[in-house]
PDB file of N, CA and C in Angstrom:
ATOM      1  N   MET A   1      24.819 -20.392   9.474  1.00  0.00           N
ATOM      2  CA  MET A   1      24.143 -19.148   9.164  1.00  0.00           C
ATOM      3  C   MET A   1      25.078 -17.981   9.476  1.00  0.00           C
ATOM      4  N   GLU A   2      25.267 -17.083   8.511  1.00  0.00           N
ATOM      5  CA  GLU A   2      26.094 -15.905   8.731  1.00  0.00           C
ATOM      6  C   GLU A   2      25.325 -14.861   9.525  1.00  0.00           C
ATOM      7  N   ALA A   3      26.032 -13.887  10.036  1.00  0.00           N
ATOM      8  CA  ALA A   3      25.408 -12.846  10.866  1.00  0.00           C
ATOM      9  C   ALA A   3      24.314 -12.093  10.119  1.00  0.00           C
ATOM     10  N   ASP A   4      24.459 -11.911   8.793  1.00  0.00           N
ATOM     11  CA  ASP A   4      23.464 -11.163   8.018  1.00  0.00           C
ATOM     12  C   ASP A   4      22.260 -12.005   7.614  1.00  0.00           C
ATOM     13  N   ASP A   5      22.364 -13.333   7.705  1.00  0.00           N
ATOM     14  CA  ASP A   5      21.258 -14.216   7.327  1.00  0.00           C
ATOM     15  C   ASP A   5      20.290 -14.337   8.495  1.00  0.00           C
ATOM     16  N   LYS A   6      19.041 -14.022   8.240  1.00  0.00           N
ATOM     17  CA  LYS A   6      18.001 -14.120   9.266  1.00  0.00           C
ATOM     18  C   LYS A   6      16.798 -14.787   8.663  1.00  0.00           C
ATOM     19  N   GLN A   7      16.115 -15.555   9.467  1.00  0.00           N
ATOM     20  CA  GLN A   7      14.866 -16.175   9.032  1.00  0.00           C
ATOM     21  C   GLN A   7      13.724 -15.389   9.644  1.00  0.00           C
ATOM     22  N   ILE A   8      12.794 -14.991   8.804  1.00  0.00           N
ATOM     23  CA  ILE A   8      11.638 -14.234   9.272  1.00  0.00           C
ATOM     24  C   ILE A   8      10.399 -15.093   9.071  1.00  0.00           C
ATOM     25  N   ASN A   9       9.661 -15.311  10.136  1.00  0.00           N
ATOM     26  CA  ASN A   9       8.400 -16.054  10.062  1.00  0.00           C
ATOM     27  C   ASN A   9       7.261 -15.040  10.098  1.00  0.00           C
ATOM     28  N   ILE A  10       6.459 -15.033   9.037  1.00  0.00           N
ATOM     29  CA  ILE A  10       5.357 -14.084   8.935  1.00  0.00           C
ATOM     30  C   ILE A  10       4.041 -14.858   8.949  1.00  0.00           C
ATOM     31  N   HIS A  11       3.122 -14.409   9.771  1.00  0.00           N
ATOM     32  CA  HIS A  11       1.808 -15.044   9.875  1.00  0.00           C
ATOM     33  C   HIS A  11       0.746 -14.019   9.491  1.00  0.00           C
ATOM     34  N   ALA A  12      -0.262 -14.459   8.760  1.00  0.00           N
ATOM     35  CA  ALA A  12      -1.362 -13.580   8.370  1.00  0.00           C
ATOM     36  C   ALA A  12      -2.664 -14.364   8.407  1.00  0.00           C
ATOM     37  N   THR A  13      -3.735 -13.659   8.708  1.00  0.00           N
ATOM     38  CA  THR A  13      -5.052 -14.289   8.704  1.00  0.00           C
ATOM     39  C   THR A  13      -5.463 -14.559   7.258  1.00  0.00           C
ATOM     40  N   PRO A  14      -6.393 -15.482   7.037  1.00  0.00           N
ATOM     41  CA  PRO A  14      -6.884 -15.710   5.673  1.00  0.00           C
ATOM     42  C   PRO A  14      -7.475 -14.437   5.054  1.00  0.00           C
ATOM     43  N   GLU A  15      -8.126 -13.622   5.854  1.00  0.00           N
ATOM     44  CA  GLU A  15      -8.693 -12.367   5.341  1.00  0.00           C
ATOM     45  C   GLU A  15      -7.585 -11.435   4.840  1.00  0.00           C
ATOM     46  N   MET A  16      -6.491 -11.378   5.570  1.00  0.00           N
ATOM     47  CA  MET A  16      -5.366 -10.543   5.166  1.00  0.00           C
ATOM     48  C   MET A  16      -4.715 -11.094   3.903  1.00  0.00           C
ATOM     49  N   MET A  17      -4.614 -12.390   3.782  1.00  0.00           N
ATOM     50  CA  MET A  17      -4.009 -13.020   2.620  1.00  0.00           C
ATOM     51  C   MET A  17      -4.851 -12.809   1.360  1.00  0.00           C
ATOM     52  N   ALA A  18      -6.159 -12.628   1.529  1.00  0.00           N
ATOM     53  CA  ALA A  18      -7.038 -12.399   0.384  1.00  0.00           C
ATOM     54  C   ALA A  18      -6.748 -11.053  -0.259  1.00  0.00           C
ATOM     55  N   GLY A  19      -6.252 -10.098   0.513  1.00  0.00           N
ATOM     56  CA  GLY A  19      -5.913  -8.791  -0.022  1.00  0.00           C
ATOM     57  C   GLY A  19      -7.133  -7.927  -0.282  1.00  0.00           C
ATOM     58  N   VAL A  20      -6.890  -6.781  -0.896  1.00  0.00           N
ATOM     59  CA  VAL A  20      -7.939  -5.838  -1.257  1.00  0.00           C
ATOM     60  C   VAL A  20      -7.711  -5.412  -2.702  1.00  0.00           C
ATOM     61  N   TYR A  21      -8.749  -4.927  -3.358  1.00  0.00           N
ATOM     62  CA  TYR A  21      -8.643  -4.477  -4.745  1.00  0.00           C
ATOM     63  C   TYR A  21      -8.391  -2.977  -4.770  1.00  0.00           C
ATOM     64  N   ALA A  22      -7.387  -2.561  -5.533  1.00  0.00           N
ATOM     65  CA  ALA A  22      -7.110  -1.149  -5.749  1.00  0.00           C
ATOM     66  C   ALA A  22      -6.781  -0.944  -7.216  1.00  0.00           C
ATOM     67  N   ASN A  23      -7.228   0.170  -7.779  1.00  0.00           N
ATOM     68  CA  ASN A  23      -6.898   0.480  -9.165  1.00  0.00           C
ATOM     69  C   ASN A  23      -6.213   1.842  -9.283  1.00  0.00           C
ATOM     70  N   PHE A  24      -5.716   2.340  -8.137  1.00  0.00           N
ATOM     71  CA  PHE A  24      -4.965   3.586  -8.117  1.00  0.00           C
ATOM     72  C   PHE A  24      -4.063   3.556  -6.891  1.00  0.00           C
ATOM     73  N   ALA A  25      -2.846   4.062  -7.029  1.00  0.00           N
ATOM     74  CA  ALA A  25      -1.931   4.163  -5.894  1.00  0.00           C
ATOM     75  C   ALA A  25      -1.228   5.507  -5.943  1.00  0.00           C
ATOM     76  N   ASN A  26      -0.952   6.053  -4.780  1.00  0.00           N
ATOM     77  CA  ASN A  26      -0.239   7.314  -4.667  1.00  0.00           C
ATOM     78  C   ASN A  26       0.926   7.113  -3.712  1.00  0.00           C
ATOM     79  N   VAL A  27       2.111   7.559  -4.108  1.00  0.00           N
ATOM     80  CA  VAL A  27       3.295   7.473  -3.261  1.00  0.00           C
ATOM     81  C   VAL A  27       3.713   8.877  -2.882  1.00  0.00           C
ATOM     82  N   SER A  28       3.872   9.121  -1.601  1.00  0.00           N
ATOM     83  CA  SER A  28       4.403  10.396  -1.143  1.00  0.00           C
ATOM     84  C   SER A  28       5.535  10.110  -0.156  1.00  0.00           C
ATOM     85  N   HIS A  29       6.438  11.072   0.002  1.00  0.00           N
ATOM     86  CA  HIS A  29       7.571  10.811   0.886  1.00  0.00           C
ATOM     87  C   HIS A  29       8.166  12.106   1.428  1.00  0.00           C
ATOM     88  N   SER A  30       8.880  11.940   2.505  1.00  0.00           N
ATOM     89  CA  SER A  30       9.682  13.008   3.095  1.00  0.00           C
ATOM     90  C   SER A  30      11.025  12.371   3.454  1.00  0.00           C
ATOM     91  N   ASP A  31      11.874  13.120   4.122  1.00  0.00           N
ATOM     92  CA  ASP A  31      13.146  12.544   4.560  1.00  0.00           C
ATOM     93  C   ASP A  31      12.943  11.454   5.607  1.00  0.00           C
ATOM     94  N   TYR A  32      11.774  11.411   6.221  1.00  0.00           N
ATOM     95  CA  TYR A  32      11.537  10.523   7.347  1.00  0.00           C
ATOM     96  C   TYR A  32      10.538   9.409   7.087  1.00  0.00           C
ATOM     97  N   GLU A  33       9.765   9.510   5.998  1.00  0.00           N
ATOM     98  CA  GLU A  33       8.678   8.542   5.822  1.00  0.00           C
ATOM     99  C   GLU A  33       8.270   8.415   4.363  1.00  0.00           C
ATOM    100  N   PHE A  34       7.950   7.186   3.962  1.00  0.00           N
ATOM    101  CA  PHE A  34       7.291   6.910   2.689  1.00  0.00           C
ATOM    102  C   PHE A  34       5.872   6.500   3.011  1.00  0.00           C
ATOM    103  N   SER A  35       4.911   6.990   2.246  1.00  0.00           N
ATOM    104  CA  SER A  35       3.516   6.584   2.401  1.00  0.00           C
ATOM    105  C   SER A  35       2.995   6.140   1.045  1.00  0.00           C
ATOM    106  N   ILE A  36       2.411   4.957   1.017  1.00  0.00           N
ATOM    107  CA  ILE A  36       1.791   4.438  -0.199  1.00  0.00           C
ATOM    108  C   ILE A  36       0.318   4.246   0.119  1.00  0.00           C
ATOM    109  N   THR A  37      -0.522   4.938  -0.622  1.00  0.00           N
ATOM    110  CA  THR A  37      -1.967   4.870  -0.405  1.00  0.00           C
ATOM    111  C   THR A  37      -2.596   4.164  -1.599  1.00  0.00           C
ATOM    112  N   PHE A  38      -3.368   3.121  -1.313  1.00  0.00           N
ATOM    113  CA  PHE A  38      -4.055   2.354  -2.346  1.00  0.00           C
ATOM    114  C   PHE A  38      -5.535   2.710  -2.312  1.00  0.00           C
ATOM    115  N   VAL A  39      -6.091   2.990  -3.510  1.00  0.00           N
ATOM    116  CA  VAL A  39      -7.462   3.491  -3.620  1.00  0.00           C
ATOM    117  C   VAL A  39      -8.228   2.669  -4.650  1.00  0.00           C
ATOM    118  N   ARG A  40      -9.501   2.473  -4.386  1.00  0.00           N
ATOM    119  CA  ARG A  40     -10.407   1.896  -5.379  1.00  0.00           C
ATOM    120  C   ARG A  40     -11.234   3.043  -5.939  1.00  0.00           C
ATOM    121  N   LEU A  41     -10.960   3.406  -7.193  1.00  0.00           N
ATOM    122  CA  LEU A  41     -11.672   4.504  -7.853  1.00  0.00           C
ATOM    123  C   LEU A  41     -12.921   3.994  -8.545  1.00  0.00           C
ATOM    124  N   GLU A  42     -13.952   4.803  -8.532  1.00  0.00           N
ATOM    125  CA  GLU A  42     -15.186   4.503  -9.245  1.00  0.00           C
ATOM    126  C   GLU A  42     -15.117   5.195 -10.602  1.00  0.00           C
ATOM    127  N   HIS A  43     -14.950   4.436 -11.675  1.00  0.00           N
ATOM    128  CA  HIS A  43     -14.783   5.014 -13.005  1.00  0.00           C
ATOM    129  C   HIS A  43     -16.101   5.448 -13.647  1.00  0.00           C
ATOM    130  N   GLU A  44     -17.218   5.041 -13.102  1.00  0.00           N
ATOM    131  CA  GLU A  44     -18.503   5.412 -13.690  1.00  0.00           C
ATOM    132  C   GLU A  44     -18.699   6.919 -13.681  1.00  0.00           C
ATOM    133  N   GLU A  45     -18.055   7.600 -12.757  1.00  0.00           N
ATOM    134  CA  GLU A  45     -18.230   9.043 -12.624  1.00  0.00           C
ATOM    135  C   GLU A  45     -17.219   9.821 -13.463  1.00  0.00           C
ATOM    136  N   ALA A  46     -16.353   9.147 -14.200  1.00  0.00           N
ATOM    137  CA  ALA A  46     -15.265   9.805 -14.932  1.00  0.00           C
ATOM    138  C   ALA A  46     -15.779  10.810 -15.962  1.00  0.00           C
ATOM    139  N   GLU A  47     -16.951  10.558 -16.521  1.00  0.00           N
ATOM    140  CA  GLU A  47     -17.494  11.451 -17.542  1.00  0.00           C
ATOM    141  C   GLU A  47     -17.798  12.839 -16.987  1.00  0.00           C
ATOM    142  N   SER A  48     -18.100  12.930 -15.709  1.00  0.00           N
ATOM    143  CA  SER A  48     -18.423  14.222 -15.106  1.00  0.00           C
ATOM    144  C   SER A  48     -17.172  15.034 -14.785  1.00  0.00           C
ATOM    145  N   GLY A  49     -15.986  14.450 -14.967  1.00  0.00           N
ATOM    146  CA  GLY A  49     -14.746  15.157 -14.684  1.00  0.00           C
ATOM    147  C   GLY A  49     -14.281  15.011 -13.255  1.00  0.00           C
ATOM    148  N   GLU A  50     -15.081  14.399 -12.410  1.00  0.00           N
ATOM    149  CA  GLU A  50     -14.699  14.200 -11.013  1.00  0.00           C
ATOM    150  C   GLU A  50     -14.853  12.724 -10.679  1.00  0.00           C
ATOM    151  N   MET A  51     -13.843  12.169 -10.037  1.00  0.00           N
ATOM    152  CA  MET A  51     -13.892  10.748  -9.673  1.00  0.00           C
ATOM    153  C   MET A  51     -13.857  10.607  -8.161  1.00  0.00           C
ATOM    154  N   SER A  52     -14.629   9.667  -7.647  1.00  0.00           N
ATOM    155  CA  SER A  52     -14.637   9.368  -6.221  1.00  0.00           C
ATOM    156  C   SER A  52     -13.863   8.086  -5.987  1.00  0.00           C
ATOM    157  N   GLY A  53     -13.274   7.991  -4.822  1.00  0.00           N
ATOM    158  CA  GLY A  53     -12.535   6.786  -4.489  1.00  0.00           C
ATOM    159  C   GLY A  53     -12.582   6.496  -3.007  1.00  0.00           C
ATOM    160  N   VAL A  54     -12.231   5.265  -2.673  1.00  0.00           N
ATOM    161  CA  VAL A  54     -12.191   4.817  -1.286  1.00  0.00           C
ATOM    162  C   VAL A  54     -10.795   4.292  -1.011  1.00  0.00           C
ATOM    163  N   VAL A  55     -10.156   4.787   0.048  1.00  0.00           N
ATOM    164  CA  VAL A  55      -8.849   4.258   0.442  1.00  0.00           C
ATOM    165  C   VAL A  55      -9.065   2.853   0.991  1.00  0.00           C
ATOM    166  N   VAL A  56      -8.386   1.873   0.384  1.00  0.00           N
ATOM    167  CA  VAL A  56      -8.525   0.494   0.844  1.00  0.00           C
ATOM    168  C   VAL A  56      -7.346   0.053   1.686  1.00  0.00           C
ATOM    169  N   SER A  57      -6.217   0.772   1.585  1.00  0.00           N
ATOM    170  CA  SER A  57      -5.058   0.443   2.406  1.00  0.00           C
ATOM    171  C   SER A  57      -4.053   1.584   2.333  1.00  0.00           C
ATOM    172  N   ARG A  58      -3.319   1.758   3.396  1.00  0.00           N
ATOM    173  CA  ARG A  58      -2.233   2.746   3.415  1.00  0.00           C
ATOM    174  C   ARG A  58      -1.063   2.119   4.167  1.00  0.00           C
ATOM    175  N   VAL A  59       0.118   2.242   3.584  1.00  0.00           N
ATOM    176  CA  VAL A  59       1.326   1.692   4.189  1.00  0.00           C
ATOM    177  C   VAL A  59       2.305   2.845   4.404  1.00  0.00           C
ATOM    178  N   ASN A  60       2.772   2.988   5.630  1.00  0.00           N
ATOM    179  CA  ASN A  60       3.773   4.003   5.973  1.00  0.00           C
ATOM    180  C   ASN A  60       5.029   3.275   6.431  1.00  0.00           C
ATOM    181  N   LEU A  61       6.181   3.675   5.907  1.00  0.00           N
ATOM    182  CA  LEU A  61       7.417   3.046   6.338  1.00  0.00           C
ATOM    183  C   LEU A  61       8.574   4.012   6.278  1.00  0.00           C
ATOM    184  N   ALA A  62       9.609   3.677   7.012  1.00  0.00           N
ATOM    185  CA  ALA A  62      10.807   4.513   7.051  1.00  0.00           C
ATOM    186  C   ALA A  62      11.582   4.349   5.749  1.00  0.00           C
ATOM    187  N   PRO A  63      12.245   5.417   5.280  1.00  0.00           N
ATOM    188  CA  PRO A  63      13.021   5.322   4.042  1.00  0.00           C
ATOM    189  C   PRO A  63      14.060   4.211   4.072  1.00  0.00           C
ATOM    190  N   ARG A  64      14.533   3.875   5.223  1.00  0.00           N
ATOM    191  CA  ARG A  64      15.532   2.804   5.367  1.00  0.00           C
ATOM    192  C   ARG A  64      15.021   1.485   4.794  1.00  0.00           C
ATOM    193  N   PHE A  65      13.714   1.249   4.876  1.00  0.00           N
ATOM    194  CA  PHE A  65      13.128  -0.008   4.414  1.00  0.00           C
ATOM    195  C   PHE A  65      12.587   0.066   2.997  1.00  0.00           C
ATOM    196  N   MET A  66      12.657   1.225   2.360  1.00  0.00           N
ATOM    197  CA  MET A  66      12.153   1.413   1.007  1.00  0.00           C
ATOM    198  C   MET A  66      13.297   1.269   0.018  1.00  0.00           C
ATOM    199  N   LYS A  67      13.263   0.240  -0.787  1.00  0.00           N
ATOM    200  CA  LYS A  67      14.347   0.010  -1.762  1.00  0.00           C
ATOM    201  C   LYS A  67      13.788  -0.032  -3.150  1.00  0.00           C
TER     202      LYS A  67
END
């Protein structure tokens, strides 16, 4: 194994592996952070011109890890 080769063991609960449903995502960033927000929008309200949504997950990470 070379110095750059690493093995990463990742464990997740079955609930985490099932994931969540999102039909909208927003990415924002600064010099120090990327934020990805996943939302489940309710399209039934689209006719009124206003849509409601629920944040189902948000991931924040350093730009170093965003490729």
